[in-house]
Amino acid sequence: MKRAWESLVAALVAGLLVLVPLYLAILLLLKAMMSVGKLISPLVAVLPDWIPGEKLVALAAILVACLIVGFAVRTAIGRAIGERLERSFFERIPGYALLRSLTQRLAGESGETAWQPALVEIEEALVPGFIIEALDDGRFTVFVPSVPTPLAGAVYVLNGDRVHPLDVPFTQAVKSISRWGQGTRELVAAMRPAGR
Protein backbone atom coordinates (compact mmCIF):
# COMPACT_ATOMS: atom_id res chain seq x y z
CA MET A 1 0.00 0.00 0.00
CA LYS A 2 2.82 2.40 0.93
CA ARG A 3 4.63 1.76 -2.36
CA ALA A 4 1.45 2.39 -4.34
CA TRP A 5 0.93 5.70 -2.50
CA GLU A 6 4.56 6.76 -3.10
CA SER A 7 4.25 5.86 -6.77
CA LEU A 8 1.01 7.82 -7.02
CA VAL A 9 2.54 10.93 -5.41
CA ALA A 10 5.68 10.72 -7.60
CA ALA A 11 3.55 10.35 -10.74
CA LEU A 12 1.39 13.31 -9.70
CA VAL A 13 4.42 15.57 -9.09
CA ALA A 14 6.05 14.50 -12.37
CA GLY A 15 2.81 15.17 -14.24
CA LEU A 16 2.43 18.61 -12.69
CA LEU A 17 6.01 19.54 -13.59
CA VAL A 18 5.24 18.72 -17.23
CA LEU A 19 1.65 19.93 -17.61
CA VAL A 20 1.70 23.25 -15.73
CA PRO A 21 4.49 24.84 -17.84
CA LEU A 22 2.92 23.40 -21.00
CA TYR A 23 -0.50 24.80 -20.05
CA LEU A 24 0.98 28.24 -19.29
CA ALA A 25 2.91 28.25 -22.57
CA ILE A 26 -0.27 27.42 -24.52
CA LEU A 27 -2.21 30.16 -22.71
CA LEU A 28 0.52 32.70 -23.49
CA LEU A 29 0.60 31.61 -27.14
CA LEU A 30 -3.19 31.95 -27.46
CA LYS A 31 -3.12 35.37 -25.80
CA ALA A 32 -0.32 36.50 -28.13
CA MET A 33 -2.27 35.18 -31.14
CA MET A 34 -5.31 37.23 -30.11
CA SER A 35 -3.21 40.38 -29.73
CA VAL A 36 -1.39 39.90 -33.03
CA GLY A 37 -4.65 38.92 -34.73
CA LYS A 38 -6.16 42.32 -33.95
CA LEU A 39 -3.13 44.05 -35.47
CA ILE A 40 -3.13 42.05 -38.69
CA SER A 41 -6.90 41.85 -39.27
CA PRO A 42 -6.77 44.40 -42.14
CA LEU A 43 -4.11 42.32 -43.88
CA VAL A 44 -6.09 39.07 -43.76
CA ALA A 45 -9.30 40.69 -44.98
CA VAL A 46 -8.26 39.80 -48.53
CA LEU A 47 -8.23 36.06 -47.79
CA PRO A 48 -11.32 33.91 -48.48
CA ASP A 49 -13.77 33.49 -45.57
CA TRP A 50 -13.28 29.73 -45.32
CA ILE A 51 -9.58 30.15 -44.45
CA PRO A 52 -8.96 30.95 -40.78
CA GLY A 53 -6.48 33.54 -42.00
CA GLU A 54 -6.30 35.70 -38.92
CA LYS A 55 -5.32 32.81 -36.66
CA LEU A 56 -2.88 31.27 -39.14
CA VAL A 57 -1.17 34.56 -39.94
CA ALA A 58 -1.02 35.46 -36.23
CA LEU A 59 0.56 32.08 -35.39
CA ALA A 60 3.01 32.41 -38.28
CA ALA A 61 3.94 35.95 -37.17
CA ILE A 62 4.60 34.77 -33.61
CA LEU A 63 6.71 31.83 -34.80
CA VAL A 64 8.72 34.08 -37.13
CA ALA A 65 9.26 36.56 -34.26
CA CYS A 66 10.46 33.70 -32.01
CA LEU A 67 12.81 32.51 -34.77
CA ILE A 68 14.26 36.01 -35.27
CA VAL A 69 14.73 36.50 -31.52
CA GLY A 70 16.28 33.03 -31.27
CA PHE A 71 18.83 33.86 -33.97
CA ALA A 72 19.46 37.31 -32.47
CA VAL A 73 20.26 36.03 -28.97
CA ARG A 74 22.86 33.67 -30.41
CA THR A 75 24.94 36.59 -31.67
CA ALA A 76 27.48 38.39 -29.47
CA ILE A 77 25.40 41.58 -29.45
CA GLY A 78 22.21 39.63 -28.74
CA ARG A 79 23.82 37.78 -25.82
CA ALA A 80 25.08 41.07 -24.37
CA ILE A 81 21.63 42.67 -24.67
CA GLY A 82 20.00 39.56 -23.20
CA GLU A 83 22.37 39.48 -20.23
CA ARG A 84 21.86 43.18 -19.58
CA LEU A 85 18.07 42.82 -19.79
CA GLU A 86 18.25 39.83 -17.49
CA ARG A 87 20.34 41.69 -14.88
CA SER A 88 18.35 44.90 -14.98
CA PHE A 89 14.83 43.49 -15.24
CA PHE A 90 14.26 39.75 -15.00
CA GLU A 91 16.47 39.08 -11.96
CA ARG A 92 14.34 41.56 -10.00
CA ILE A 93 11.32 39.31 -10.46
CA PRO A 94 11.03 37.08 -7.37
CA GLY A 95 11.87 33.47 -8.18
CA TYR A 96 13.20 34.19 -11.68
CA ALA A 97 16.80 33.16 -10.95
CA LEU A 98 15.59 29.98 -9.27
CA LEU A 99 13.34 29.01 -12.18
CA ARG A 100 16.06 29.87 -14.73
CA SER A 101 18.59 27.73 -12.92
CA LEU A 102 16.15 24.84 -12.54
CA THR A 103 15.17 25.05 -16.20
CA GLN A 104 18.82 25.01 -17.26
CA ARG A 105 19.46 21.96 -15.08
CA LEU A 106 16.39 20.13 -16.41
CA ALA A 107 17.51 20.93 -19.96
CA GLY A 108 20.89 19.38 -19.20
CA GLU A 109 22.88 22.61 -19.33
CA SER A 110 25.63 22.47 -16.74
CA GLY A 111 27.49 25.71 -17.41
CA GLU A 112 27.08 26.85 -13.82
CA THR A 113 27.41 25.08 -10.49
CA ALA A 114 23.95 26.04 -9.23
CA TRP A 115 21.77 23.05 -8.39
CA GLN A 116 24.68 20.61 -8.54
CA PRO A 117 23.42 17.43 -6.84
CA ALA A 118 25.29 16.59 -3.63
CA LEU A 119 25.13 14.56 -0.46
CA VAL A 120 25.56 16.86 2.53
CA GLU A 121 26.40 16.02 6.12
CA ILE A 122 23.62 17.15 8.44
CA GLU A 123 24.22 15.99 12.02
CA GLU A 124 25.36 12.35 11.68
CA ALA A 125 23.70 11.65 8.34
CA LEU A 126 24.25 12.14 4.62
CA VAL A 127 21.29 13.99 3.11
CA PRO A 128 20.52 14.53 -0.60
CA GLY A 129 20.72 18.19 -1.55
CA PHE A 130 21.82 20.67 -4.18
CA ILE A 131 24.76 23.08 -4.20
CA ILE A 132 23.33 26.53 -4.90
CA GLU A 133 26.61 28.44 -4.86
CA ALA A 134 30.21 28.21 -3.71
CA LEU A 135 31.29 30.96 -1.31
CA ASP A 136 34.69 32.65 -1.45
CA ASP A 137 35.75 31.17 1.91
CA GLY A 138 35.31 27.54 0.78
CA ARG A 139 31.82 27.07 2.18
CA PHE A 140 28.75 26.20 0.12
CA THR A 141 25.17 27.37 0.12
CA VAL A 142 23.18 24.14 -0.05
CA PHE A 143 19.47 23.52 -0.56
CA VAL A 144 18.17 20.38 1.17
CA PRO A 145 14.75 19.49 -0.25
CA SER A 146 11.85 17.96 1.62
CA VAL A 147 10.82 14.47 0.64
CA PRO A 148 8.96 13.82 -1.66
CA THR A 149 8.64 17.46 -2.83
CA PRO A 150 12.01 18.57 -4.23
CA LEU A 151 10.97 22.23 -4.57
CA ALA A 152 10.45 22.78 -0.83
CA GLY A 153 13.08 22.47 1.87
CA ALA A 154 15.77 24.32 3.82
CA VAL A 155 18.89 26.29 2.92
CA TYR A 156 22.18 25.74 4.77
CA VAL A 157 25.63 27.32 4.56
CA LEU A 158 28.05 24.46 5.19
CA ASN A 159 31.82 23.98 5.30
CA GLY A 160 33.24 22.39 2.16
CA ASP A 161 34.24 19.20 3.98
CA ARG A 162 30.55 18.50 4.71
CA VAL A 163 29.44 18.82 1.06
CA HIS A 164 30.00 15.88 -1.32
CA PRO A 165 29.16 16.73 -4.98
CA LEU A 166 27.65 13.95 -7.06
CA ASP A 167 28.50 12.91 -10.60
CA VAL A 168 24.85 12.35 -11.52
CA PRO A 169 22.37 14.35 -13.60
CA PHE A 170 20.08 16.78 -11.79
CA THR A 171 17.03 14.78 -12.89
CA GLN A 172 18.37 11.58 -11.29
CA ALA A 173 18.77 13.31 -7.92
CA VAL A 174 15.26 14.81 -8.14
CA LYS A 175 13.85 11.39 -9.06
CA SER A 176 15.46 9.80 -6.00
CA ILE A 177 14.10 12.52 -3.70
CA SER A 178 10.59 12.32 -5.15
CA ARG A 179 10.63 8.53 -4.69
CA TRP A 180 11.30 8.78 -0.95
CA GLY A 181 14.99 7.91 -1.38
CA GLN A 182 14.66 4.99 -3.76
CA GLY A 183 17.78 5.07 -5.95
CA THR A 184 20.02 6.61 -3.27
CA ARG A 185 22.45 3.72 -3.74
CA GLU A 186 23.43 5.22 -7.13
CA LEU A 187 23.82 8.68 -5.53
CA VAL A 188 26.18 7.33 -2.86
CA ALA A 189 28.20 5.49 -5.52
CA ALA A 190 28.58 8.75 -7.48
CA MET A 191 29.82 10.77 -4.50
CA ARG A 192 33.00 12.79 -5.03
CA PRO A 193 35.37 13.79 -2.20
CA ALA A 194 34.09 16.67 -0.08
CA GLY A 195 34.58 20.28 -1.16
CA ARG A 196 35.30 19.60 -4.86
C-alpha atoms as a PDB file:
ATOM      1  CA  MET A   1       0.000   0.000   0.000  1.00  0.00           C
ATOM      2  CA  LYS A   2       2.823   2.402   0.931  1.00  0.00           C
ATOM      3  CA  ARG A   3       4.626   1.762  -2.364  1.00  0.00           C
ATOM      4  CA  ALA A   4       1.448   2.388  -4.337  1.00  0.00           C
ATOM      5  CA  TRP A   5       0.926   5.697  -2.501  1.00  0.00           C
ATOM      6  CA  GLU A   6       4.556   6.757  -3.100  1.00  0.00           C
ATOM      7  CA  SER A   7       4.254   5.857  -6.768  1.00  0.00           C
ATOM      8  CA  LEU A   8       1.012   7.824  -7.023  1.00  0.00           C
ATOM      9  CA  VAL A   9       2.539  10.928  -5.411  1.00  0.00           C
ATOM     10  CA  ALA A  10       5.676  10.720  -7.596  1.00  0.00           C
ATOM     11  CA  ALA A  11       3.554  10.353 -10.739  1.00  0.00           C
ATOM     12  CA  LEU A  12       1.389  13.315  -9.702  1.00  0.00           C
ATOM     13  CA  VAL A  13       4.417  15.573  -9.087  1.00  0.00           C
ATOM     14  CA  ALA A  14       6.051  14.503 -12.366  1.00  0.00           C
ATOM     15  CA  GLY A  15       2.813  15.166 -14.242  1.00  0.00           C
ATOM     16  CA  LEU A  16       2.425  18.607 -12.692  1.00  0.00           C
ATOM     17  CA  LEU A  17       6.014  19.538 -13.586  1.00  0.00           C
ATOM     18  CA  VAL A  18       5.244  18.723 -17.230  1.00  0.00           C
ATOM     19  CA  LEU A  19       1.646  19.925 -17.609  1.00  0.00           C
ATOM     20  CA  VAL A  20       1.702  23.248 -15.726  1.00  0.00           C
ATOM     21  CA  PRO A  21       4.489  24.840 -17.839  1.00  0.00           C
ATOM     22  CA  LEU A  22       2.915  23.404 -20.995  1.00  0.00           C
ATOM     23  CA  TYR A  23      -0.499  24.802 -20.051  1.00  0.00           C
ATOM     24  CA  LEU A  24       0.977  28.236 -19.286  1.00  0.00           C
ATOM     25  CA  ALA A  25       2.907  28.246 -22.568  1.00  0.00           C
ATOM     26  CA  ILE A  26      -0.267  27.424 -24.520  1.00  0.00           C
ATOM     27  CA  LEU A  27      -2.211  30.159 -22.711  1.00  0.00           C
ATOM     28  CA  LEU A  28       0.515  32.697 -23.491  1.00  0.00           C
ATOM     29  CA  LEU A  29       0.596  31.605 -27.138  1.00  0.00           C
ATOM     30  CA  LEU A  30      -3.192  31.951 -27.464  1.00  0.00           C
ATOM     31  CA  LYS A  31      -3.121  35.371 -25.799  1.00  0.00           C
ATOM     32  CA  ALA A  32      -0.320  36.498 -28.128  1.00  0.00           C
ATOM     33  CA  MET A  33      -2.267  35.183 -31.138  1.00  0.00           C
ATOM     34  CA  MET A  34      -5.312  37.227 -30.107  1.00  0.00           C
ATOM     35  CA  SER A  35      -3.211  40.381 -29.726  1.00  0.00           C
ATOM     36  CA  VAL A  36      -1.388  39.899 -33.030  1.00  0.00           C
ATOM     37  CA  GLY A  37      -4.649  38.919 -34.726  1.00  0.00           C
ATOM     38  CA  LYS A  38      -6.164  42.320 -33.955  1.00  0.00           C
ATOM     39  CA  LEU A  39      -3.128  44.046 -35.466  1.00  0.00           C
ATOM     40  CA  ILE A  40      -3.129  42.053 -38.688  1.00  0.00           C
ATOM     41  CA  SER A  41      -6.901  41.849 -39.270  1.00  0.00           C
ATOM     42  CA  PRO A  42      -6.771  44.404 -42.135  1.00  0.00           C
ATOM     43  CA  LEU A  43      -4.113  42.319 -43.881  1.00  0.00           C
ATOM     44  CA  VAL A  44      -6.089  39.070 -43.760  1.00  0.00           C
ATOM     45  CA  ALA A  45      -9.300  40.685 -44.976  1.00  0.00           C
ATOM     46  CA  VAL A  46      -8.261  39.805 -48.528  1.00  0.00           C
ATOM     47  CA  LEU A  47      -8.233  36.061 -47.788  1.00  0.00           C
ATOM     48  CA  PRO A  48     -11.321  33.909 -48.478  1.00  0.00           C
ATOM     49  CA  ASP A  49     -13.771  33.494 -45.571  1.00  0.00           C
ATOM     50  CA  TRP A  50     -13.282  29.727 -45.320  1.00  0.00           C
ATOM     51  CA  ILE A  51      -9.578  30.148 -44.455  1.00  0.00           C
ATOM     52  CA  PRO A  52      -8.964  30.949 -40.778  1.00  0.00           C
ATOM     53  CA  GLY A  53      -6.477  33.535 -42.001  1.00  0.00           C
ATOM     54  CA  GLU A  54      -6.298  35.704 -38.921  1.00  0.00           C
ATOM     55  CA  LYS A  55      -5.317  32.812 -36.663  1.00  0.00           C
ATOM     56  CA  LEU A  56      -2.882  31.274 -39.142  1.00  0.00           C
ATOM     57  CA  VAL A  57      -1.173  34.559 -39.940  1.00  0.00           C
ATOM     58  CA  ALA A  58      -1.016  35.457 -36.228  1.00  0.00           C
ATOM     59  CA  LEU A  59       0.558  32.077 -35.391  1.00  0.00           C
ATOM     60  CA  ALA A  60       3.005  32.408 -38.285  1.00  0.00           C
ATOM     61  CA  ALA A  61       3.943  35.949 -37.171  1.00  0.00           C
ATOM     62  CA  ILE A  62       4.599  34.767 -33.606  1.00  0.00           C
ATOM     63  CA  LEU A  63       6.707  31.828 -34.801  1.00  0.00           C
ATOM     64  CA  VAL A  64       8.722  34.083 -37.134  1.00  0.00           C
ATOM     65  CA  ALA A  65       9.259  36.560 -34.258  1.00  0.00           C
ATOM     66  CA  CYS A  66      10.463  33.698 -32.015  1.00  0.00           C
ATOM     67  CA  LEU A  67      12.806  32.513 -34.767  1.00  0.00           C
ATOM     68  CA  ILE A  68      14.255  36.006 -35.265  1.00  0.00           C
ATOM     69  CA  VAL A  69      14.733  36.503 -31.521  1.00  0.00           C
ATOM     70  CA  GLY A  70      16.283  33.031 -31.267  1.00  0.00           C
ATOM     71  CA  PHE A  71      18.833  33.861 -33.965  1.00  0.00           C
ATOM     72  CA  ALA A  72      19.463  37.311 -32.466  1.00  0.00           C
ATOM     73  CA  VAL A  73      20.258  36.030 -28.969  1.00  0.00           C
ATOM     74  CA  ARG A  74      22.859  33.672 -30.409  1.00  0.00           C
ATOM     75  CA  THR A  75      24.945  36.589 -31.674  1.00  0.00           C
ATOM     76  CA  ALA A  76      27.478  38.386 -29.469  1.00  0.00           C
ATOM     77  CA  ILE A  77      25.397  41.583 -29.452  1.00  0.00           C
ATOM     78  CA  GLY A  78      22.213  39.630 -28.737  1.00  0.00           C
ATOM     79  CA  ARG A  79      23.819  37.784 -25.817  1.00  0.00           C
ATOM     80  CA  ALA A  80      25.076  41.070 -24.373  1.00  0.00           C
ATOM     81  CA  ILE A  81      21.634  42.673 -24.666  1.00  0.00           C
ATOM     82  CA  GLY A  82      19.999  39.560 -23.196  1.00  0.00           C
ATOM     83  CA  GLU A  83      22.371  39.479 -20.230  1.00  0.00           C
ATOM     84  CA  ARG A  84      21.861  43.180 -19.577  1.00  0.00           C
ATOM     85  CA  LEU A  85      18.074  42.822 -19.795  1.00  0.00           C
ATOM     86  CA  GLU A  86      18.245  39.829 -17.485  1.00  0.00           C
ATOM     87  CA  ARG A  87      20.343  41.687 -14.883  1.00  0.00           C
ATOM     88  CA  SER A  88      18.347  44.904 -14.976  1.00  0.00           C
ATOM     89  CA  PHE A  89      14.828  43.494 -15.241  1.00  0.00           C
ATOM     90  CA  PHE A  90      14.261  39.749 -15.001  1.00  0.00           C
ATOM     91  CA  GLU A  91      16.469  39.078 -11.959  1.00  0.00           C
ATOM     92  CA  ARG A  92      14.336  41.563 -10.002  1.00  0.00           C
ATOM     93  CA  ILE A  93      11.318  39.314 -10.458  1.00  0.00           C
ATOM     94  CA  PRO A  94      11.028  37.077  -7.366  1.00  0.00           C
ATOM     95  CA  GLY A  95      11.872  33.473  -8.180  1.00  0.00           C
ATOM     96  CA  TYR A  96      13.197  34.190 -11.685  1.00  0.00           C
ATOM     97  CA  ALA A  97      16.797  33.158 -10.955  1.00  0.00           C
ATOM     98  CA  LEU A  98      15.589  29.977  -9.266  1.00  0.00           C
ATOM     99  CA  LEU A  99      13.345  29.014 -12.176  1.00  0.00           C
ATOM    100  CA  ARG A 100      16.056  29.868 -14.734  1.00  0.00           C
ATOM    101  CA  SER A 101      18.593  27.730 -12.922  1.00  0.00           C
ATOM    102  CA  LEU A 102      16.146  24.842 -12.539  1.00  0.00           C
ATOM    103  CA  THR A 103      15.173  25.049 -16.201  1.00  0.00           C
ATOM    104  CA  GLN A 104      18.821  25.006 -17.258  1.00  0.00           C
ATOM    105  CA  ARG A 105      19.462  21.963 -15.078  1.00  0.00           C
ATOM    106  CA  LEU A 106      16.387  20.127 -16.409  1.00  0.00           C
ATOM    107  CA  ALA A 107      17.508  20.931 -19.963  1.00  0.00           C
ATOM    108  CA  GLY A 108      20.894  19.380 -19.203  1.00  0.00           C
ATOM    109  CA  GLU A 109      22.884  22.613 -19.331  1.00  0.00           C
ATOM    110  CA  SER A 110      25.628  22.474 -16.738  1.00  0.00           C
ATOM    111  CA  GLY A 111      27.494  25.706 -17.413  1.00  0.00           C
ATOM    112  CA  GLU A 112      27.075  26.847 -13.819  1.00  0.00           C
ATOM    113  CA  THR A 113      27.412  25.081 -10.492  1.00  0.00           C
ATOM    114  CA  ALA A 114      23.948  26.043  -9.232  1.00  0.00           C
ATOM    115  CA  TRP A 115      21.769  23.050  -8.394  1.00  0.00           C
ATOM    116  CA  GLN A 116      24.676  20.609  -8.544  1.00  0.00           C
ATOM    117  CA  PRO A 117      23.420  17.425  -6.842  1.00  0.00           C
ATOM    118  CA  ALA A 118      25.286  16.592  -3.631  1.00  0.00           C
ATOM    119  CA  LEU A 119      25.135  14.556  -0.457  1.00  0.00           C
ATOM    120  CA  VAL A 120      25.561  16.861   2.525  1.00  0.00           C
ATOM    121  CA  GLU A 121      26.404  16.018   6.117  1.00  0.00           C
ATOM    122  CA  ILE A 122      23.623  17.150   8.441  1.00  0.00           C
ATOM    123  CA  GLU A 123      24.219  15.995  12.021  1.00  0.00           C
ATOM    124  CA  GLU A 124      25.364  12.353  11.678  1.00  0.00           C
ATOM    125  CA  ALA A 125      23.699  11.648   8.338  1.00  0.00           C
ATOM    126  CA  LEU A 126      24.250  12.137   4.618  1.00  0.00           C
ATOM    127  CA  VAL A 127      21.288  13.991   3.106  1.00  0.00           C
ATOM    128  CA  PRO A 128      20.520  14.528  -0.598  1.00  0.00           C
ATOM    129  CA  GLY A 129      20.718  18.190  -1.548  1.00  0.00           C
ATOM    130  CA  PHE A 130      21.824  20.675  -4.181  1.00  0.00           C
ATOM    131  CA  ILE A 131      24.756  23.078  -4.198  1.00  0.00           C
ATOM    132  CA  ILE A 132      23.335  26.527  -4.905  1.00  0.00           C
ATOM    133  CA  GLU A 133      26.607  28.438  -4.861  1.00  0.00           C
ATOM    134  CA  ALA A 134      30.208  28.208  -3.710  1.00  0.00           C
ATOM    135  CA  LEU A 135      31.286  30.961  -1.313  1.00  0.00           C
ATOM    136  CA  ASP A 136      34.695  32.646  -1.447  1.00  0.00           C
ATOM    137  CA  ASP A 137      35.749  31.174   1.907  1.00  0.00           C
ATOM    138  CA  GLY A 138      35.311  27.543   0.776  1.00  0.00           C
ATOM    139  CA  ARG A 139      31.820  27.069   2.183  1.00  0.00           C
ATOM    140  CA  PHE A 140      28.749  26.196   0.122  1.00  0.00           C
ATOM    141  CA  THR A 141      25.165  27.367   0.123  1.00  0.00           C
ATOM    142  CA  VAL A 142      23.180  24.138  -0.047  1.00  0.00           C
ATOM    143  CA  PHE A 143      19.466  23.522  -0.558  1.00  0.00           C
ATOM    144  CA  VAL A 144      18.170  20.384   1.168  1.00  0.00           C
ATOM    145  CA  PRO A 145      14.748  19.485  -0.254  1.00  0.00           C
ATOM    146  CA  SER A 146      11.846  17.965   1.622  1.00  0.00           C
ATOM    147  CA  VAL A 147      10.817  14.468   0.641  1.00  0.00           C
ATOM    148  CA  PRO A 148       8.957  13.820  -1.664  1.00  0.00           C
ATOM    149  CA  THR A 149       8.638  17.457  -2.825  1.00  0.00           C
ATOM    150  CA  PRO A 150      12.013  18.566  -4.230  1.00  0.00           C
ATOM    151  CA  LEU A 151      10.973  22.231  -4.568  1.00  0.00           C
ATOM    152  CA  ALA A 152      10.448  22.775  -0.829  1.00  0.00           C
ATOM    153  CA  GLY A 153      13.079  22.469   1.866  1.00  0.00           C
ATOM    154  CA  ALA A 154      15.766  24.319   3.819  1.00  0.00           C
ATOM    155  CA  VAL A 155      18.894  26.290   2.918  1.00  0.00           C
ATOM    156  CA  TYR A 156      22.181  25.744   4.766  1.00  0.00           C
ATOM    157  CA  VAL A 157      25.629  27.322   4.561  1.00  0.00           C
ATOM    158  CA  LEU A 158      28.052  24.464   5.189  1.00  0.00           C
ATOM    159  CA  ASN A 159      31.820  23.981   5.303  1.00  0.00           C
ATOM    160  CA  GLY A 160      33.236  22.395   2.164  1.00  0.00           C
ATOM    161  CA  ASP A 161      34.241  19.196   3.976  1.00  0.00           C
ATOM    162  CA  ARG A 162      30.551  18.499   4.710  1.00  0.00           C
ATOM    163  CA  VAL A 163      29.442  18.818   1.061  1.00  0.00           C
ATOM    164  CA  HIS A 164      29.995  15.882  -1.319  1.00  0.00           C
ATOM    165  CA  PRO A 165      29.156  16.730  -4.977  1.00  0.00           C
ATOM    166  CA  LEU A 166      27.651  13.946  -7.060  1.00  0.00           C
ATOM    167  CA  ASP A 167      28.498  12.908 -10.605  1.00  0.00           C
ATOM    168  CA  VAL A 168      24.849  12.353 -11.524  1.00  0.00           C
ATOM    169  CA  PRO A 169      22.367  14.347 -13.602  1.00  0.00           C
ATOM    170  CA  PHE A 170      20.082  16.781 -11.794  1.00  0.00           C
ATOM    171  CA  THR A 171      17.028  14.778 -12.887  1.00  0.00           C
ATOM    172  CA  GLN A 172      18.369  11.582 -11.292  1.00  0.00           C
ATOM    173  CA  ALA A 173      18.767  13.314  -7.924  1.00  0.00           C
ATOM    174  CA  VAL A 174      15.259  14.808  -8.145  1.00  0.00           C
ATOM    175  CA  LYS A 175      13.853  11.387  -9.056  1.00  0.00           C
ATOM    176  CA  SER A 176      15.463   9.804  -6.003  1.00  0.00           C
ATOM    177  CA  ILE A 177      14.099  12.518  -3.701  1.00  0.00           C
ATOM    178  CA  SER A 178      10.586  12.324  -5.149  1.00  0.00           C
ATOM    179  CA  ARG A 179      10.628   8.530  -4.695  1.00  0.00           C
ATOM    180  CA  TRP A 180      11.303   8.778  -0.951  1.00  0.00           C
ATOM    181  CA  GLY A 181      14.992   7.909  -1.383  1.00  0.00           C
ATOM    182  CA  GLN A 182      14.660   4.985  -3.757  1.00  0.00           C
ATOM    183  CA  GLY A 183      17.780   5.067  -5.949  1.00  0.00           C
ATOM    184  CA  THR A 184      20.015   6.610  -3.274  1.00  0.00           C
ATOM    185  CA  ARG A 185      22.454   3.722  -3.745  1.00  0.00           C
ATOM    186  CA  GLU A 186      23.430   5.225  -7.126  1.00  0.00           C
ATOM    187  CA  LEU A 187      23.823   8.678  -5.525  1.00  0.00           C
ATOM    188  CA  VAL A 188      26.178   7.334  -2.861  1.00  0.00           C
ATOM    189  CA  ALA A 189      28.198   5.490  -5.520  1.00  0.00           C
ATOM    190  CA  ALA A 190      28.581   8.748  -7.484  1.00  0.00           C
ATOM    191  CA  MET A 191      29.818  10.765  -4.498  1.00  0.00           C
ATOM    192  CA  ARG A 192      33.001  12.791  -5.032  1.00  0.00           C
ATOM    193  CA  PRO A 193      35.366  13.790  -2.204  1.00  0.00           C
ATOM    194  CA  ALA A 194      34.085  16.674  -0.077  1.00  0.00           C
ATOM    195  CA  GLY A 195      34.584  20.276  -1.156  1.00  0.00           C
ATOM    196  CA  ARG A 196      35.300  19.598  -4.856  1.00  0.00           C
END
